[in-house]
Amino acid sequence: MNVVSLENKKTQSISVSLGGQACTIRIVQRESFLYMDLTVNNVPIFQGVPCLYANKIVRYKYLGFSGDLFFLDNQGESDPHYDGLADRYPLYYITEAELVQ
C-alpha cells in the first residue's frame, strides 16, 4: 500500500506512476463532495467519481486499472475534504495482490 501525495488545494492534477501505470489524477472539491478523475496512459478510466471515506474508488477491474485507490481519515471517519488532503485524508494506492489478501 502506497500513499499518493496531495496538496490542500480545491483543484489539483498530479502525474504519478502507480503499479507501473502512468496515471494522472485530478481532484476537484465541489460543495457536495471531493471528486476524482483518473487517466492511465492518456486513456480516461473514470471521471467525476465521488471520494468517500474508506470506499474503493476504482472498484471494477474491467475499467483497465490495476489496483485501487481510497481515502482514509486520520482523525475519524469523515469523507475527504480538500483542506486536509496533505495530512488528514491520505489517498492510498493498493496493488492487485493486496486487494485479494
N, C-alpha and C. Protein backbone atom coordinates (compact mmCIF):
# COMPACT_ATOMS: atom_id res chain seq x y z
N MET A 1 0.86 -1.18 0.00
CA MET A 1 0.00 0.00 0.00
C MET A 1 0.90 1.24 0.00
N ASN A 2 0.62 2.16 -0.89
CA ASN A 2 1.40 3.39 -1.01
C ASN A 2 0.51 4.61 -0.84
N VAL A 3 1.08 5.67 -0.27
CA VAL A 3 0.36 6.94 -0.14
C VAL A 3 0.67 7.80 -1.35
N VAL A 4 -0.37 8.36 -1.95
CA VAL A 4 -0.23 9.30 -3.06
C VAL A 4 -0.26 10.70 -2.47
N SER A 5 0.81 11.46 -2.64
CA SER A 5 0.92 12.79 -2.05
C SER A 5 0.03 13.81 -2.77
N LEU A 6 -0.78 14.49 -1.97
CA LEU A 6 -1.66 15.55 -2.48
C LEU A 6 -1.43 16.82 -1.68
N GLU A 7 -1.94 17.93 -2.20
CA GLU A 7 -1.85 19.21 -1.52
C GLU A 7 -3.24 19.67 -1.09
N ASN A 8 -3.28 20.61 -0.16
CA ASN A 8 -4.55 21.17 0.31
C ASN A 8 -5.04 22.22 -0.67
N LYS A 9 -5.47 21.77 -1.84
CA LYS A 9 -5.99 22.64 -2.90
C LYS A 9 -7.35 22.14 -3.34
N LYS A 10 -8.25 23.06 -3.70
CA LYS A 10 -9.59 22.69 -4.16
C LYS A 10 -9.56 21.92 -5.48
N THR A 11 -8.61 22.28 -6.32
CA THR A 11 -8.46 21.62 -7.61
C THR A 11 -6.98 21.34 -7.82
N GLN A 12 -6.67 20.11 -8.18
CA GLN A 12 -5.29 19.77 -8.47
C GLN A 12 -5.24 18.58 -9.41
N SER A 13 -4.14 18.50 -10.13
CA SER A 13 -3.90 17.40 -11.04
C SER A 13 -2.47 16.95 -10.85
N ILE A 14 -2.28 15.66 -10.61
CA ILE A 14 -0.93 15.14 -10.40
C ILE A 14 -0.67 13.99 -11.36
N SER A 15 0.58 13.84 -11.74
CA SER A 15 1.01 12.70 -12.54
C SER A 15 1.86 11.82 -11.63
N VAL A 16 1.54 10.53 -11.62
CA VAL A 16 2.21 9.61 -10.72
C VAL A 16 2.20 8.22 -11.34
N SER A 17 3.24 7.45 -11.07
CA SER A 17 3.28 6.06 -11.51
C SER A 17 2.75 5.19 -10.38
N LEU A 18 1.71 4.41 -10.67
CA LEU A 18 1.11 3.52 -9.68
C LEU A 18 1.08 2.11 -10.26
N GLY A 19 1.84 1.22 -9.66
CA GLY A 19 1.89 -0.16 -10.16
C GLY A 19 2.36 -0.24 -11.59
N GLY A 20 3.29 0.64 -11.98
CA GLY A 20 3.81 0.66 -13.34
C GLY A 20 2.89 1.32 -14.35
N GLN A 21 1.84 1.98 -13.87
CA GLN A 21 0.88 2.66 -14.74
C GLN A 21 1.12 4.17 -14.68
N ALA A 22 1.22 4.80 -15.82
CA ALA A 22 1.38 6.26 -15.87
C ALA A 22 0.02 6.90 -15.67
N CYS A 23 -0.20 7.43 -14.46
CA CYS A 23 -1.52 7.93 -14.06
C CYS A 23 -1.54 9.44 -13.93
N THR A 24 -2.67 10.02 -14.30
CA THR A 24 -2.97 11.41 -13.98
C THR A 24 -4.23 11.39 -13.14
N ILE A 25 -4.12 11.94 -11.93
CA ILE A 25 -5.23 12.01 -11.01
C ILE A 25 -5.63 13.47 -10.88
N ARG A 26 -6.88 13.75 -11.13
CA ARG A 26 -7.42 15.11 -10.98
C ARG A 26 -8.43 15.08 -9.84
N ILE A 27 -8.24 16.00 -8.89
CA ILE A 27 -9.12 16.12 -7.72
C ILE A 27 -9.81 17.47 -7.79
N VAL A 28 -11.12 17.48 -7.55
CA VAL A 28 -11.89 18.72 -7.55
C VAL A 28 -12.84 18.70 -6.35
N GLN A 29 -12.80 19.77 -5.54
CA GLN A 29 -13.73 19.91 -4.43
C GLN A 29 -14.95 20.67 -4.90
N ARG A 30 -16.10 20.04 -4.77
CA ARG A 30 -17.38 20.70 -5.04
C ARG A 30 -18.08 20.89 -3.70
N GLU A 31 -19.22 21.52 -3.71
CA GLU A 31 -19.95 21.74 -2.46
C GLU A 31 -20.34 20.42 -1.81
N SER A 32 -20.74 19.45 -2.61
CA SER A 32 -21.23 18.17 -2.07
C SER A 32 -20.11 17.23 -1.63
N PHE A 33 -19.12 17.01 -2.48
CA PHE A 33 -18.05 16.05 -2.21
C PHE A 33 -16.76 16.47 -2.91
N LEU A 34 -15.72 15.70 -2.62
CA LEU A 34 -14.48 15.73 -3.37
C LEU A 34 -14.66 14.72 -4.50
N TYR A 35 -14.28 15.09 -5.73
CA TYR A 35 -14.45 14.21 -6.88
C TYR A 35 -13.11 13.93 -7.53
N MET A 36 -13.00 12.76 -8.17
CA MET A 36 -11.75 12.36 -8.80
C MET A 36 -11.97 11.92 -10.23
N ASP A 37 -10.99 12.27 -11.09
CA ASP A 37 -10.87 11.75 -12.45
C ASP A 37 -9.56 10.97 -12.49
N LEU A 38 -9.53 9.87 -13.21
CA LEU A 38 -8.31 9.07 -13.35
C LEU A 38 -8.08 8.76 -14.81
N THR A 39 -6.85 9.05 -15.27
CA THR A 39 -6.42 8.74 -16.62
C THR A 39 -5.17 7.88 -16.52
N VAL A 40 -5.10 6.81 -17.31
CA VAL A 40 -3.92 5.95 -17.35
C VAL A 40 -3.42 5.87 -18.78
N ASN A 41 -2.15 6.22 -18.98
CA ASN A 41 -1.55 6.25 -20.33
C ASN A 41 -2.42 7.05 -21.30
N ASN A 42 -2.89 8.20 -20.83
CA ASN A 42 -3.71 9.13 -21.61
C ASN A 42 -5.09 8.57 -21.99
N VAL A 43 -5.53 7.51 -21.32
CA VAL A 43 -6.86 6.94 -21.55
C VAL A 43 -7.70 7.16 -20.30
N PRO A 44 -8.83 7.86 -20.41
CA PRO A 44 -9.67 8.08 -19.24
C PRO A 44 -10.21 6.75 -18.69
N ILE A 45 -10.03 6.55 -17.39
CA ILE A 45 -10.54 5.35 -16.72
C ILE A 45 -11.91 5.67 -16.10
N PHE A 46 -12.00 6.82 -15.44
CA PHE A 46 -13.28 7.31 -14.93
C PHE A 46 -13.18 8.80 -14.71
N GLN A 47 -14.35 9.44 -14.60
CA GLN A 47 -14.42 10.88 -14.36
C GLN A 47 -15.54 11.18 -13.39
N GLY A 48 -15.29 12.11 -12.50
CA GLY A 48 -16.33 12.61 -11.60
C GLY A 48 -16.80 11.62 -10.55
N VAL A 49 -15.92 10.75 -10.08
CA VAL A 49 -16.31 9.79 -9.05
C VAL A 49 -16.18 10.45 -7.68
N PRO A 50 -17.23 10.41 -6.86
CA PRO A 50 -17.14 10.99 -5.51
C PRO A 50 -16.19 10.19 -4.64
N CYS A 51 -15.41 10.89 -3.85
CA CYS A 51 -14.45 10.26 -2.94
C CYS A 51 -15.07 10.20 -1.55
N LEU A 52 -15.28 8.99 -1.06
CA LEU A 52 -15.91 8.78 0.23
C LEU A 52 -14.95 8.06 1.17
N TYR A 53 -15.15 8.21 2.45
CA TYR A 53 -14.28 7.60 3.45
C TYR A 53 -14.18 6.08 3.25
N ALA A 54 -12.95 5.58 3.14
CA ALA A 54 -12.63 4.15 3.09
C ALA A 54 -13.37 3.39 1.99
N ASN A 55 -13.77 4.09 0.94
CA ASN A 55 -14.53 3.48 -0.15
C ASN A 55 -13.60 3.32 -1.35
N LYS A 56 -13.51 2.12 -1.90
CA LYS A 56 -12.71 1.92 -3.10
C LYS A 56 -13.26 2.81 -4.21
N ILE A 57 -12.35 3.46 -4.92
CA ILE A 57 -12.77 4.42 -5.93
C ILE A 57 -12.88 3.78 -7.32
N VAL A 58 -11.96 2.89 -7.66
CA VAL A 58 -11.98 2.26 -8.98
C VAL A 58 -13.00 1.13 -9.02
N ARG A 59 -12.89 0.20 -8.13
CA ARG A 59 -13.81 -0.92 -7.93
C ARG A 59 -13.80 -2.01 -9.00
N TYR A 60 -13.81 -1.66 -10.26
CA TYR A 60 -14.02 -2.65 -11.31
C TYR A 60 -12.78 -2.84 -12.18
N LYS A 61 -12.30 -4.08 -12.24
CA LYS A 61 -11.09 -4.40 -12.99
C LYS A 61 -11.26 -4.12 -14.49
N TYR A 62 -12.48 -4.29 -15.01
CA TYR A 62 -12.71 -4.10 -16.45
C TYR A 62 -12.43 -2.67 -16.90
N LEU A 63 -12.32 -1.73 -15.95
CA LEU A 63 -12.02 -0.35 -16.32
C LEU A 63 -10.59 -0.19 -16.84
N GLY A 64 -9.73 -1.17 -16.57
CA GLY A 64 -8.37 -1.13 -17.11
C GLY A 64 -7.34 -0.55 -16.17
N PHE A 65 -7.63 -0.53 -14.87
CA PHE A 65 -6.68 -0.02 -13.88
C PHE A 65 -6.30 -1.17 -12.96
N SER A 66 -5.02 -1.37 -12.77
CA SER A 66 -4.54 -2.43 -11.88
C SER A 66 -4.41 -1.88 -10.47
N GLY A 67 -5.20 -2.43 -9.54
CA GLY A 67 -5.19 -1.96 -8.16
C GLY A 67 -6.41 -1.12 -7.87
N ASP A 68 -6.33 -0.35 -6.79
CA ASP A 68 -7.44 0.53 -6.43
C ASP A 68 -6.92 1.71 -5.61
N LEU A 69 -7.78 2.68 -5.43
CA LEU A 69 -7.48 3.89 -4.67
C LEU A 69 -8.56 4.11 -3.62
N PHE A 70 -8.18 4.67 -2.48
CA PHE A 70 -9.16 5.01 -1.45
C PHE A 70 -8.57 6.03 -0.49
N PHE A 71 -9.46 6.78 0.15
CA PHE A 71 -9.08 7.76 1.16
C PHE A 71 -9.42 7.22 2.55
N LEU A 72 -8.59 7.55 3.52
CA LEU A 72 -8.88 7.30 4.93
C LEU A 72 -8.90 8.64 5.65
N ASP A 73 -9.31 8.63 6.90
CA ASP A 73 -9.35 9.83 7.74
C ASP A 73 -8.52 9.54 8.99
N ASN A 74 -7.45 10.29 9.18
CA ASN A 74 -6.57 10.09 10.34
C ASN A 74 -7.18 10.59 11.64
N GLN A 75 -8.33 11.24 11.59
CA GLN A 75 -8.93 11.80 12.80
C GLN A 75 -10.37 11.33 13.03
N GLY A 76 -10.81 10.35 12.28
CA GLY A 76 -12.18 9.87 12.44
C GLY A 76 -12.63 9.08 11.24
N GLU A 77 -13.87 9.33 10.79
CA GLU A 77 -14.42 8.61 9.65
C GLU A 77 -15.17 9.55 8.70
N SER A 78 -14.62 10.74 8.48
CA SER A 78 -15.25 11.72 7.60
C SER A 78 -14.82 11.51 6.15
N ASP A 79 -15.70 11.92 5.24
CA ASP A 79 -15.33 11.93 3.83
C ASP A 79 -14.24 12.97 3.63
N PRO A 80 -13.32 12.73 2.68
CA PRO A 80 -12.21 13.67 2.48
C PRO A 80 -12.68 15.05 2.01
N HIS A 81 -11.95 16.05 2.44
CA HIS A 81 -12.18 17.44 2.06
C HIS A 81 -10.84 18.04 1.68
N TYR A 82 -10.83 18.94 0.72
CA TYR A 82 -9.57 19.46 0.18
C TYR A 82 -8.63 20.04 1.23
N ASP A 83 -9.18 20.64 2.29
CA ASP A 83 -8.31 21.31 3.26
C ASP A 83 -7.53 20.35 4.17
N GLY A 84 -7.72 19.04 4.00
CA GLY A 84 -6.97 18.07 4.77
C GLY A 84 -6.25 17.04 3.91
N LEU A 85 -6.14 17.28 2.62
CA LEU A 85 -5.53 16.30 1.73
C LEU A 85 -4.05 16.07 1.98
N ALA A 86 -3.35 17.05 2.50
CA ALA A 86 -1.92 16.90 2.73
C ALA A 86 -1.60 16.09 3.98
N ASP A 87 -2.57 15.98 4.91
CA ASP A 87 -2.25 15.29 6.16
C ASP A 87 -3.40 14.46 6.73
N ARG A 88 -4.58 15.02 6.84
CA ARG A 88 -5.67 14.30 7.49
C ARG A 88 -6.26 13.18 6.62
N TYR A 89 -6.41 13.42 5.32
CA TYR A 89 -7.06 12.47 4.42
C TYR A 89 -6.07 11.91 3.41
N PRO A 90 -5.27 10.93 3.78
CA PRO A 90 -4.32 10.37 2.82
C PRO A 90 -5.04 9.55 1.74
N LEU A 91 -4.53 9.66 0.52
CA LEU A 91 -5.00 8.85 -0.60
C LEU A 91 -4.06 7.66 -0.73
N TYR A 92 -4.61 6.45 -0.68
CA TYR A 92 -3.81 5.24 -0.77
C TYR A 92 -4.03 4.54 -2.09
N TYR A 93 -2.93 3.99 -2.60
CA TYR A 93 -2.98 3.09 -3.75
C TYR A 93 -2.69 1.69 -3.21
N ILE A 94 -3.55 0.74 -3.57
CA ILE A 94 -3.37 -0.64 -3.16
C ILE A 94 -3.23 -1.49 -4.42
N THR A 95 -2.24 -2.36 -4.42
CA THR A 95 -1.97 -3.18 -5.61
C THR A 95 -3.00 -4.29 -5.76
N GLU A 96 -3.00 -4.89 -6.93
CA GLU A 96 -3.89 -6.01 -7.22
C GLU A 96 -3.66 -7.15 -6.22
N ALA A 97 -2.40 -7.44 -5.91
CA ALA A 97 -2.06 -8.51 -4.97
C ALA A 97 -2.59 -8.21 -3.57
N GLU A 98 -2.51 -6.95 -3.15
CA GLU A 98 -3.02 -6.56 -1.83
C GLU A 98 -4.54 -6.60 -1.75
N LEU A 99 -5.21 -6.42 -2.88
CA LEU A 99 -6.66 -6.46 -2.91
C LEU A 99 -7.24 -7.84 -2.57
N VAL A 100 -6.52 -8.88 -2.97
CA VAL A 100 -7.03 -10.24 -2.77
C VAL A 100 -6.65 -10.86 -1.43
N GLN A 101 -5.86 -10.18 -0.65
CA GLN A 101 -5.46 -10.72 0.66
C GLN A 101 -6.54 -10.54 1.68
